Amino acid sequence: MISRKLKSNRPIQISLLLFAVMTLIAAGDEDARFNQLGHKLMCVCGCTQVLLECNHVGCPLSDGMRGELAAAMNRPDSDDLVLQSFVQKYGPTVLIAPTTTGFNRLAWIMPYLALALGLTTVMLVVRTWKARPMVIPAGSVPAVSGSKLDQFREQARRDTEEV
């Protein structure tokens, strides 16, 4: 009789266990989501720190912004909608990284463009320096190489044989 009673409670026990596990996973997921969104926002008090890491004493805005973020987490809004609500309230400077749309795309492209332009300039300058003629001081003999050097050697051999 006891084994029959345990068998009838088994599905209830399993479902309760699964519910508890899912609740704990979801609770950890909310904390991770809060941290993820909090690290995408900047404190607007002027300290230029990440919202969740604003550590100066008596910050007038970070506690309120953290509270707004926690309240937004209780609503069924998506992450993008939460971030957009902060942008609407505090302006685009509240985001740590600029968005990748419109004119802000230039903020992502410019560093790479400047790097490519700088490397190209350096390569052109080095190529120009290598191609410029060698400066010979006045009164000195220029360095000779190639076929001209062979001509001078032949001339020296002929001159030394006749003597």
N, C-alpha and C. Protein backbone atom coordinates (compact mmCIF):
# COMPACT_ATOMS: atom_id res chain seq x y z
N MET A 1 0.83 -1.18 0.00
CA MET A 1 0.00 0.00 0.00
C MET A 1 0.87 1.25 0.00
N ILE A 2 1.96 1.20 0.76
CA ILE A 2 2.84 2.36 0.81
C ILE A 2 3.54 2.53 -0.54
N SER A 3 3.97 1.44 -1.14
CA SER A 3 4.65 1.55 -2.42
C SER A 3 3.70 2.08 -3.49
N ARG A 4 2.43 1.71 -3.42
CA ARG A 4 1.44 2.20 -4.37
C ARG A 4 1.25 3.70 -4.18
N LYS A 5 1.25 4.16 -2.95
CA LYS A 5 1.08 5.58 -2.64
C LYS A 5 2.29 6.38 -3.13
N LEU A 6 3.50 5.82 -2.96
CA LEU A 6 4.71 6.48 -3.42
C LEU A 6 4.73 6.58 -4.94
N LYS A 7 4.28 5.52 -5.60
CA LYS A 7 4.25 5.54 -7.05
C LYS A 7 3.26 6.57 -7.57
N SER A 8 2.17 6.76 -6.88
CA SER A 8 1.19 7.74 -7.34
C SER A 8 1.68 9.18 -7.08
N ASN A 9 2.56 9.39 -6.12
CA ASN A 9 3.11 10.72 -5.82
C ASN A 9 4.35 11.04 -6.66
N ARG A 10 4.90 10.02 -7.31
CA ARG A 10 6.14 10.20 -8.08
C ARG A 10 6.00 11.30 -9.15
N PRO A 11 4.97 11.32 -9.97
CA PRO A 11 4.86 12.39 -10.98
C PRO A 11 4.75 13.78 -10.34
N ILE A 12 4.08 13.87 -9.22
CA ILE A 12 3.96 15.15 -8.53
C ILE A 12 5.32 15.59 -8.00
N GLN A 13 6.07 14.64 -7.42
CA GLN A 13 7.40 14.97 -6.91
C GLN A 13 8.33 15.40 -8.04
N ILE A 14 8.28 14.70 -9.15
CA ILE A 14 9.13 15.05 -10.28
C ILE A 14 8.77 16.42 -10.83
N SER A 15 7.49 16.70 -10.95
CA SER A 15 7.07 18.01 -11.46
C SER A 15 7.45 19.12 -10.50
N LEU A 16 7.36 18.89 -9.18
CA LEU A 16 7.79 19.89 -8.21
C LEU A 16 9.29 20.13 -8.29
N LEU A 17 10.04 19.05 -8.45
CA LEU A 17 11.49 19.17 -8.57
C LEU A 17 11.85 19.96 -9.84
N LEU A 18 11.22 19.65 -10.96
CA LEU A 18 11.47 20.38 -12.19
C LEU A 18 11.09 21.85 -12.06
N PHE A 19 9.98 22.12 -11.41
CA PHE A 19 9.56 23.51 -11.21
C PHE A 19 10.59 24.26 -10.37
N ALA A 20 11.10 23.63 -9.31
CA ALA A 20 12.09 24.28 -8.45
C ALA A 20 13.38 24.55 -9.22
N VAL A 21 13.81 23.59 -10.03
CA VAL A 21 15.04 23.76 -10.82
C VAL A 21 14.86 24.89 -11.83
N MET A 22 13.74 24.92 -12.51
CA MET A 22 13.48 25.96 -13.51
C MET A 22 13.39 27.34 -12.85
N THR A 23 12.81 27.40 -11.67
CA THR A 23 12.71 28.68 -10.96
C THR A 23 14.10 29.18 -10.58
N LEU A 24 14.95 28.28 -10.10
CA LEU A 24 16.31 28.69 -9.74
C LEU A 24 17.11 29.10 -10.97
N ILE A 25 16.94 28.40 -12.07
CA ILE A 25 17.64 28.77 -13.30
C ILE A 25 17.16 30.11 -13.79
N ALA A 26 15.85 30.34 -13.74
CA ALA A 26 15.29 31.62 -14.20
C ALA A 26 15.76 32.76 -13.30
N ALA A 27 15.90 32.52 -12.00
CA ALA A 27 16.37 33.57 -11.09
C ALA A 27 17.81 33.95 -11.43
N GLY A 28 18.63 32.99 -11.70
CA GLY A 28 20.01 33.27 -12.10
C GLY A 28 20.06 33.95 -13.44
N ASP A 29 19.13 33.60 -14.31
CA ASP A 29 19.07 34.20 -15.64
C ASP A 29 18.73 35.69 -15.54
N GLU A 30 17.84 36.05 -14.62
CA GLU A 30 17.48 37.47 -14.44
C GLU A 30 18.68 38.27 -13.92
N ASP A 31 19.44 37.67 -13.00
CA ASP A 31 20.63 38.35 -12.50
C ASP A 31 21.65 38.55 -13.62
N ALA A 32 21.81 37.53 -14.44
CA ALA A 32 22.74 37.64 -15.57
C ALA A 32 22.26 38.69 -16.55
N ARG A 33 20.96 38.74 -16.79
CA ARG A 33 20.39 39.74 -17.71
C ARG A 33 20.59 41.14 -17.13
N PHE A 34 20.37 41.31 -15.83
CA PHE A 34 20.57 42.61 -15.18
C PHE A 34 22.03 43.05 -15.33
N ASN A 35 22.97 42.13 -15.08
CA ASN A 35 24.39 42.46 -15.22
C ASN A 35 24.75 42.77 -16.66
N GLN A 36 24.20 42.01 -17.58
CA GLN A 36 24.50 42.24 -19.00
C GLN A 36 24.00 43.62 -19.44
N LEU A 37 22.77 43.95 -19.09
CA LEU A 37 22.24 45.26 -19.47
C LEU A 37 22.92 46.39 -18.71
N GLY A 38 23.22 46.16 -17.44
CA GLY A 38 23.89 47.19 -16.64
C GLY A 38 25.28 47.51 -17.14
N HIS A 39 25.92 46.54 -17.78
CA HIS A 39 27.26 46.78 -18.32
C HIS A 39 27.21 47.36 -19.73
N LYS A 40 26.02 47.54 -20.28
CA LYS A 40 25.88 48.22 -21.56
C LYS A 40 25.51 49.68 -21.38
N LEU A 41 25.27 50.07 -20.12
CA LEU A 41 24.87 51.45 -19.82
C LEU A 41 25.97 52.16 -19.04
N MET A 42 26.01 53.47 -19.22
CA MET A 42 27.00 54.29 -18.54
C MET A 42 26.29 55.21 -17.55
N CYS A 43 26.89 55.44 -16.42
CA CYS A 43 26.34 56.38 -15.45
C CYS A 43 26.45 57.78 -16.06
N VAL A 44 25.38 58.54 -15.98
CA VAL A 44 25.36 59.86 -16.64
C VAL A 44 25.70 61.00 -15.68
N CYS A 45 26.29 60.67 -14.54
CA CYS A 45 26.65 61.71 -13.57
C CYS A 45 27.93 62.44 -13.98
N GLY A 46 28.63 61.91 -14.97
CA GLY A 46 29.87 62.54 -15.41
C GLY A 46 31.11 61.77 -15.03
N CYS A 47 30.95 60.66 -14.35
CA CYS A 47 32.11 59.87 -13.91
C CYS A 47 32.64 58.98 -15.03
N THR A 48 31.91 58.83 -16.11
CA THR A 48 32.25 58.00 -17.27
C THR A 48 32.57 56.56 -16.88
N GLN A 49 31.81 56.02 -15.95
CA GLN A 49 31.97 54.62 -15.54
C GLN A 49 30.74 53.83 -15.94
N VAL A 50 30.91 52.52 -16.01
CA VAL A 50 29.79 51.64 -16.30
C VAL A 50 28.78 51.79 -15.15
N LEU A 51 27.50 51.74 -15.49
CA LEU A 51 26.46 51.98 -14.50
C LEU A 51 26.60 51.09 -13.27
N LEU A 52 26.82 49.82 -13.46
CA LEU A 52 26.92 48.91 -12.31
C LEU A 52 28.24 49.04 -11.56
N GLU A 53 29.18 49.78 -12.11
CA GLU A 53 30.49 49.93 -11.46
C GLU A 53 30.76 51.36 -11.02
N CYS A 54 29.76 52.23 -11.09
CA CYS A 54 29.95 53.61 -10.63
C CYS A 54 30.19 53.56 -9.12
N ASN A 55 31.39 53.98 -8.71
CA ASN A 55 31.77 53.77 -7.32
C ASN A 55 32.09 55.04 -6.56
N HIS A 56 31.82 56.21 -7.16
CA HIS A 56 32.16 57.39 -6.36
C HIS A 56 31.06 57.66 -5.35
N VAL A 57 31.48 58.13 -4.20
CA VAL A 57 30.59 58.28 -3.05
C VAL A 57 29.58 59.38 -3.32
N GLY A 58 28.33 59.09 -3.02
CA GLY A 58 27.26 60.07 -3.13
C GLY A 58 26.85 60.35 -4.57
N CYS A 59 26.99 59.41 -5.45
CA CYS A 59 26.58 59.61 -6.84
C CYS A 59 25.07 59.85 -6.86
N PRO A 60 24.64 60.98 -7.38
CA PRO A 60 23.22 61.31 -7.34
C PRO A 60 22.38 60.52 -8.34
N LEU A 61 22.99 59.88 -9.32
CA LEU A 61 22.20 59.27 -10.38
C LEU A 61 22.29 57.76 -10.47
N SER A 62 23.40 57.17 -10.06
CA SER A 62 23.58 55.74 -10.31
C SER A 62 22.55 54.88 -9.57
N ASP A 63 22.22 55.22 -8.33
CA ASP A 63 21.24 54.40 -7.60
C ASP A 63 19.87 54.46 -8.27
N GLY A 64 19.48 55.66 -8.71
CA GLY A 64 18.20 55.79 -9.40
C GLY A 64 18.17 55.04 -10.72
N MET A 65 19.28 55.11 -11.45
CA MET A 65 19.35 54.40 -12.73
C MET A 65 19.33 52.89 -12.52
N ARG A 66 20.01 52.42 -11.48
CA ARG A 66 19.96 50.98 -11.18
C ARG A 66 18.54 50.55 -10.82
N GLY A 67 17.84 51.41 -10.07
CA GLY A 67 16.45 51.12 -9.73
C GLY A 67 15.57 51.08 -10.97
N GLU A 68 15.79 52.01 -11.90
CA GLU A 68 15.04 51.99 -13.16
C GLU A 68 15.32 50.72 -13.95
N LEU A 69 16.57 50.29 -13.94
CA LEU A 69 16.93 49.07 -14.65
C LEU A 69 16.25 47.87 -14.00
N ALA A 70 16.24 47.82 -12.68
CA ALA A 70 15.57 46.71 -11.99
C ALA A 70 14.08 46.71 -12.27
N ALA A 71 13.47 47.90 -12.31
CA ALA A 71 12.04 47.99 -12.62
C ALA A 71 11.78 47.55 -14.06
N ALA A 72 12.68 47.90 -14.97
CA ALA A 72 12.52 47.49 -16.36
C ALA A 72 12.66 45.99 -16.50
N MET A 73 13.43 45.37 -15.64
CA MET A 73 13.61 43.92 -15.69
C MET A 73 12.31 43.21 -15.29
N ASN A 74 11.49 43.85 -14.47
CA ASN A 74 10.23 43.24 -14.04
C ASN A 74 9.18 43.29 -15.15
N ARG A 75 9.33 44.20 -16.10
CA ARG A 75 8.41 44.27 -17.23
C ARG A 75 8.84 43.23 -18.27
N PRO A 76 7.92 42.80 -19.11
CA PRO A 76 8.28 41.79 -20.11
C PRO A 76 8.91 42.39 -21.37
N ASP A 77 9.65 43.48 -21.23
CA ASP A 77 10.28 44.14 -22.38
C ASP A 77 11.54 43.40 -22.80
N SER A 78 11.87 43.53 -24.08
CA SER A 78 13.11 42.93 -24.58
C SER A 78 14.30 43.80 -24.14
N ASP A 79 15.50 43.27 -24.28
CA ASP A 79 16.71 44.01 -23.90
C ASP A 79 16.85 45.28 -24.72
N ASP A 80 16.56 45.20 -26.01
CA ASP A 80 16.67 46.38 -26.87
C ASP A 80 15.69 47.46 -26.45
N LEU A 81 14.50 47.06 -26.06
CA LEU A 81 13.49 48.03 -25.63
C LEU A 81 13.91 48.70 -24.33
N VAL A 82 14.50 47.95 -23.42
CA VAL A 82 15.00 48.52 -22.15
C VAL A 82 16.10 49.54 -22.45
N LEU A 83 17.04 49.17 -23.32
CA LEU A 83 18.13 50.10 -23.66
C LEU A 83 17.59 51.34 -24.36
N GLN A 84 16.59 51.17 -25.22
CA GLN A 84 16.02 52.33 -25.92
C GLN A 84 15.30 53.26 -24.95
N SER A 85 14.68 52.71 -23.91
CA SER A 85 14.03 53.57 -22.93
C SER A 85 15.06 54.43 -22.19
N PHE A 86 16.23 53.86 -21.92
CA PHE A 86 17.29 54.65 -21.29
C PHE A 86 17.83 55.71 -22.26
N VAL A 87 17.94 55.35 -23.54
CA VAL A 87 18.42 56.32 -24.54
C VAL A 87 17.43 57.47 -24.66
N GLN A 88 16.12 57.17 -24.64
CA GLN A 88 15.13 58.23 -24.73
C GLN A 88 15.17 59.15 -23.52
N LYS A 89 15.44 58.59 -22.36
CA LYS A 89 15.43 59.40 -21.14
C LYS A 89 16.74 60.18 -20.96
N TYR A 90 17.89 59.52 -21.20
CA TYR A 90 19.19 60.13 -20.88
C TYR A 90 20.01 60.53 -22.11
N GLY A 91 19.55 60.16 -23.29
CA GLY A 91 20.29 60.49 -24.49
C GLY A 91 21.20 59.34 -24.92
N PRO A 92 21.76 59.44 -26.13
CA PRO A 92 22.56 58.33 -26.65
C PRO A 92 23.88 58.12 -25.91
N THR A 93 24.31 59.09 -25.13
CA THR A 93 25.57 58.93 -24.39
C THR A 93 25.45 57.96 -23.23
N VAL A 94 24.25 57.51 -22.92
CA VAL A 94 24.07 56.54 -21.84
C VAL A 94 24.57 55.15 -22.26
N LEU A 95 24.67 54.91 -23.55
CA LEU A 95 25.16 53.62 -24.03
C LEU A 95 26.68 53.59 -24.01
N ILE A 96 27.24 52.48 -23.57
CA ILE A 96 28.70 52.32 -23.55
C ILE A 96 29.25 52.37 -24.96
N ALA A 97 28.66 51.59 -25.86
CA ALA A 97 29.12 51.53 -27.25
C ALA A 97 28.05 52.17 -28.14
N PRO A 98 28.46 52.90 -29.16
CA PRO A 98 27.47 53.50 -30.05
C PRO A 98 26.73 52.41 -30.84
N THR A 99 25.54 52.74 -31.27
CA THR A 99 24.79 51.79 -32.07
C THR A 99 25.44 51.64 -33.44
N THR A 100 25.11 50.60 -34.15
CA THR A 100 25.71 50.36 -35.46
C THR A 100 24.77 50.74 -36.59
N THR A 101 23.95 51.73 -36.38
CA THR A 101 23.03 52.17 -37.42
C THR A 101 23.25 53.64 -37.71
N GLY A 102 22.92 54.03 -38.92
CA GLY A 102 22.98 55.44 -39.30
C GLY A 102 24.37 56.03 -39.20
N PHE A 103 24.42 57.28 -38.75
CA PHE A 103 25.68 58.02 -38.66
C PHE A 103 26.62 57.40 -37.63
N ASN A 104 26.09 56.69 -36.63
CA ASN A 104 26.94 56.06 -35.61
C ASN A 104 27.81 54.96 -36.18
N ARG A 105 27.44 54.45 -37.34
CA ARG A 105 28.26 53.42 -37.98
C ARG A 105 29.66 53.96 -38.26
N LEU A 106 29.74 55.27 -38.50
CA LEU A 106 31.02 55.91 -38.76
C LEU A 106 31.96 55.77 -37.56
N ALA A 107 31.41 55.77 -36.35
CA ALA A 107 32.24 55.60 -35.14
C ALA A 107 32.89 54.22 -35.11
N TRP A 108 32.28 53.23 -35.72
CA TRP A 108 32.86 51.89 -35.78
C TRP A 108 33.87 51.78 -36.93
N ILE A 109 33.63 52.50 -38.02
CA ILE A 109 34.46 52.36 -39.21
C ILE A 109 35.72 53.23 -39.13
N MET A 110 35.64 54.40 -38.54
CA MET A 110 36.74 55.36 -38.55
C MET A 110 38.06 54.83 -37.98
N PRO A 111 38.10 54.13 -36.89
CA PRO A 111 39.40 53.64 -36.40
C PRO A 111 40.10 52.73 -37.40
N TYR A 112 39.36 51.85 -38.04
CA TYR A 112 39.95 50.96 -39.03
C TYR A 112 40.38 51.73 -40.28
N LEU A 113 39.56 52.70 -40.67
CA LEU A 113 39.91 53.53 -41.82
C LEU A 113 41.16 54.34 -41.53
N ALA A 114 41.27 54.91 -40.34
CA ALA A 114 42.46 55.68 -39.97
C ALA A 114 43.70 54.78 -39.93
N LEU A 115 43.56 53.56 -39.43
CA LEU A 115 44.68 52.63 -39.40
C LEU A 115 45.14 52.29 -40.82
N ALA A 116 44.20 52.00 -41.70
CA ALA A 116 44.55 51.68 -43.09
C ALA A 116 45.21 52.88 -43.77
N LEU A 117 44.68 54.07 -43.55
CA LEU A 117 45.26 55.27 -44.14
C LEU A 117 46.67 55.52 -43.60
N GLY A 118 46.87 55.32 -42.31
CA GLY A 118 48.20 55.50 -41.71
C GLY A 118 49.21 54.51 -42.25
N LEU A 119 48.82 53.24 -42.36
CA LEU A 119 49.73 52.23 -42.90
C LEU A 119 50.08 52.51 -44.36
N THR A 120 49.09 52.94 -45.13
CA THR A 120 49.35 53.29 -46.53
C THR A 120 50.32 54.45 -46.63
N THR A 121 50.13 55.47 -45.80
CA THR A 121 51.03 56.63 -45.80
C THR A 121 52.45 56.21 -45.44
N VAL A 122 52.61 55.39 -44.44
CA VAL A 122 53.95 54.92 -44.04
C VAL A 122 54.60 54.14 -45.17
N MET A 123 53.84 53.26 -45.83
CA MET A 123 54.41 52.49 -46.94
C MET A 123 54.84 53.41 -48.08
N LEU A 124 54.04 54.41 -48.40
CA LEU A 124 54.41 55.33 -49.48
C LEU A 124 55.65 56.15 -49.13
N VAL A 125 55.76 56.60 -47.88
CA VAL A 125 56.92 57.39 -47.46
C VAL A 125 58.18 56.53 -47.52
N VAL A 126 58.11 55.29 -47.04
CA VAL A 126 59.28 54.41 -47.07
C VAL A 126 59.69 54.11 -48.51
N ARG A 127 58.71 53.86 -49.37
CA ARG A 127 59.01 53.59 -50.77
C ARG A 127 59.67 54.80 -51.44
N THR A 128 59.19 56.01 -51.10
CA THR A 128 59.79 57.24 -51.64
C THR A 128 61.21 57.42 -51.14
N TRP A 129 61.46 57.16 -49.87
CA TRP A 129 62.80 57.30 -49.32
C TRP A 129 63.77 56.32 -49.98
N LYS A 130 63.31 55.11 -50.25
CA LYS A 130 64.19 54.12 -50.87
C LYS A 130 64.51 54.49 -52.32
N ALA A 131 63.60 55.16 -53.02
CA ALA A 131 63.78 55.47 -54.43
C ALA A 131 64.52 56.78 -54.68
N ARG A 132 64.73 57.60 -53.67
CA ARG A 132 65.39 58.90 -53.90
C ARG A 132 66.87 58.69 -54.22
N PRO A 133 67.45 59.60 -54.97
CA PRO A 133 68.87 59.46 -55.32
C PRO A 133 69.76 59.67 -54.10
N MET A 134 70.93 59.01 -54.14
CA MET A 134 71.86 59.13 -53.03
C MET A 134 72.58 60.48 -53.10
N VAL A 135 72.67 61.15 -51.99
CA VAL A 135 73.34 62.44 -51.92
C VAL A 135 74.84 62.20 -51.74
N ILE A 136 75.65 62.80 -52.63
CA ILE A 136 77.10 62.63 -52.56
C ILE A 136 77.72 63.94 -52.11
N PRO A 137 78.51 63.92 -51.04
CA PRO A 137 79.14 65.15 -50.59
C PRO A 137 80.09 65.70 -51.66
N ALA A 138 80.25 67.03 -51.67
CA ALA A 138 81.12 67.68 -52.66
C ALA A 138 82.56 67.24 -52.48
N GLY A 139 83.23 66.94 -53.58
CA GLY A 139 84.64 66.56 -53.55
C GLY A 139 84.88 65.10 -53.26
N SER A 140 83.88 64.30 -53.14
CA SER A 140 84.10 62.87 -52.88
C SER A 140 83.76 62.07 -54.13
N VAL A 141 84.21 60.85 -54.15
CA VAL A 141 83.97 59.98 -55.29
C VAL A 141 82.69 59.20 -55.03
N PRO A 142 81.77 59.19 -55.99
CA PRO A 142 80.53 58.44 -55.78
C PRO A 142 80.78 56.94 -55.78
N ALA A 143 79.97 56.21 -55.08
CA ALA A 143 80.08 54.76 -55.04
C ALA A 143 79.66 54.20 -56.39
N VAL A 144 80.37 53.19 -56.84
CA VAL A 144 80.12 52.59 -58.15
C VAL A 144 79.73 51.14 -57.95
N SER A 145 78.78 50.67 -58.76
CA SER A 145 78.38 49.27 -58.67
C SER A 145 77.91 48.80 -60.04
N GLY A 146 77.73 47.52 -60.16
CA GLY A 146 77.19 46.95 -61.39
C GLY A 146 78.18 46.96 -62.54
N SER A 147 77.68 47.27 -63.74
CA SER A 147 78.51 47.24 -64.95
C SER A 147 79.58 48.34 -64.95
N LYS A 148 79.30 49.44 -64.32
CA LYS A 148 80.29 50.52 -64.23
C LYS A 148 81.50 50.05 -63.43
N LEU A 149 81.25 49.30 -62.38
CA LEU A 149 82.34 48.76 -61.56
C LEU A 149 83.19 47.78 -62.38
N ASP A 150 82.53 46.96 -63.18
CA ASP A 150 83.27 46.03 -64.04
C ASP A 150 84.15 46.79 -65.05
N GLN A 151 83.66 47.91 -65.58
CA GLN A 151 84.45 48.71 -66.51
C GLN A 151 85.70 49.27 -65.82
N PHE A 152 85.55 49.76 -64.61
CA PHE A 152 86.70 50.30 -63.87
C PHE A 152 87.71 49.20 -63.55
N ARG A 153 87.27 48.02 -63.24
CA ARG A 153 88.18 46.91 -62.95
C ARG A 153 88.97 46.52 -64.21
N GLU A 154 88.28 46.47 -65.33
CA GLU A 154 88.93 46.15 -66.60
C GLU A 154 89.97 47.20 -66.95
N GLN A 155 89.62 48.48 -66.73
CA GLN A 155 90.55 49.58 -67.00
C GLN A 155 91.77 49.47 -66.09
N ALA A 156 91.58 49.16 -64.81
CA ALA A 156 92.69 49.02 -63.86
C ALA A 156 93.58 47.85 -64.25
N ARG A 157 93.03 46.73 -64.71
CA ARG A 157 93.82 45.60 -65.13
C ARG A 157 94.68 45.92 -66.36
N ARG A 158 94.09 46.63 -67.31
CA ARG A 158 94.83 47.02 -68.50
C ARG A 158 95.96 47.98 -68.15
N ASP A 159 95.67 48.92 -67.25
CA ASP A 159 96.69 49.90 -66.86
C ASP A 159 97.84 49.25 -66.11
N THR A 160 97.58 48.25 -65.30
CA THR A 160 98.65 47.60 -64.54
C THR A 160 99.43 46.61 -65.38
N GLU A 161 98.91 46.10 -66.47
CA GLU A 161 99.63 45.17 -67.34
C GLU A 161 100.66 45.90 -68.20
N GLU A 162 100.39 47.12 -68.61
CA GLU A 162 101.28 47.88 -69.48
C GLU A 162 102.51 48.36 -68.75
N VAL A 163 102.48 48.53 -67.52
CA VAL A 163 103.61 49.08 -66.79
C VAL A 163 104.69 48.12 -66.53
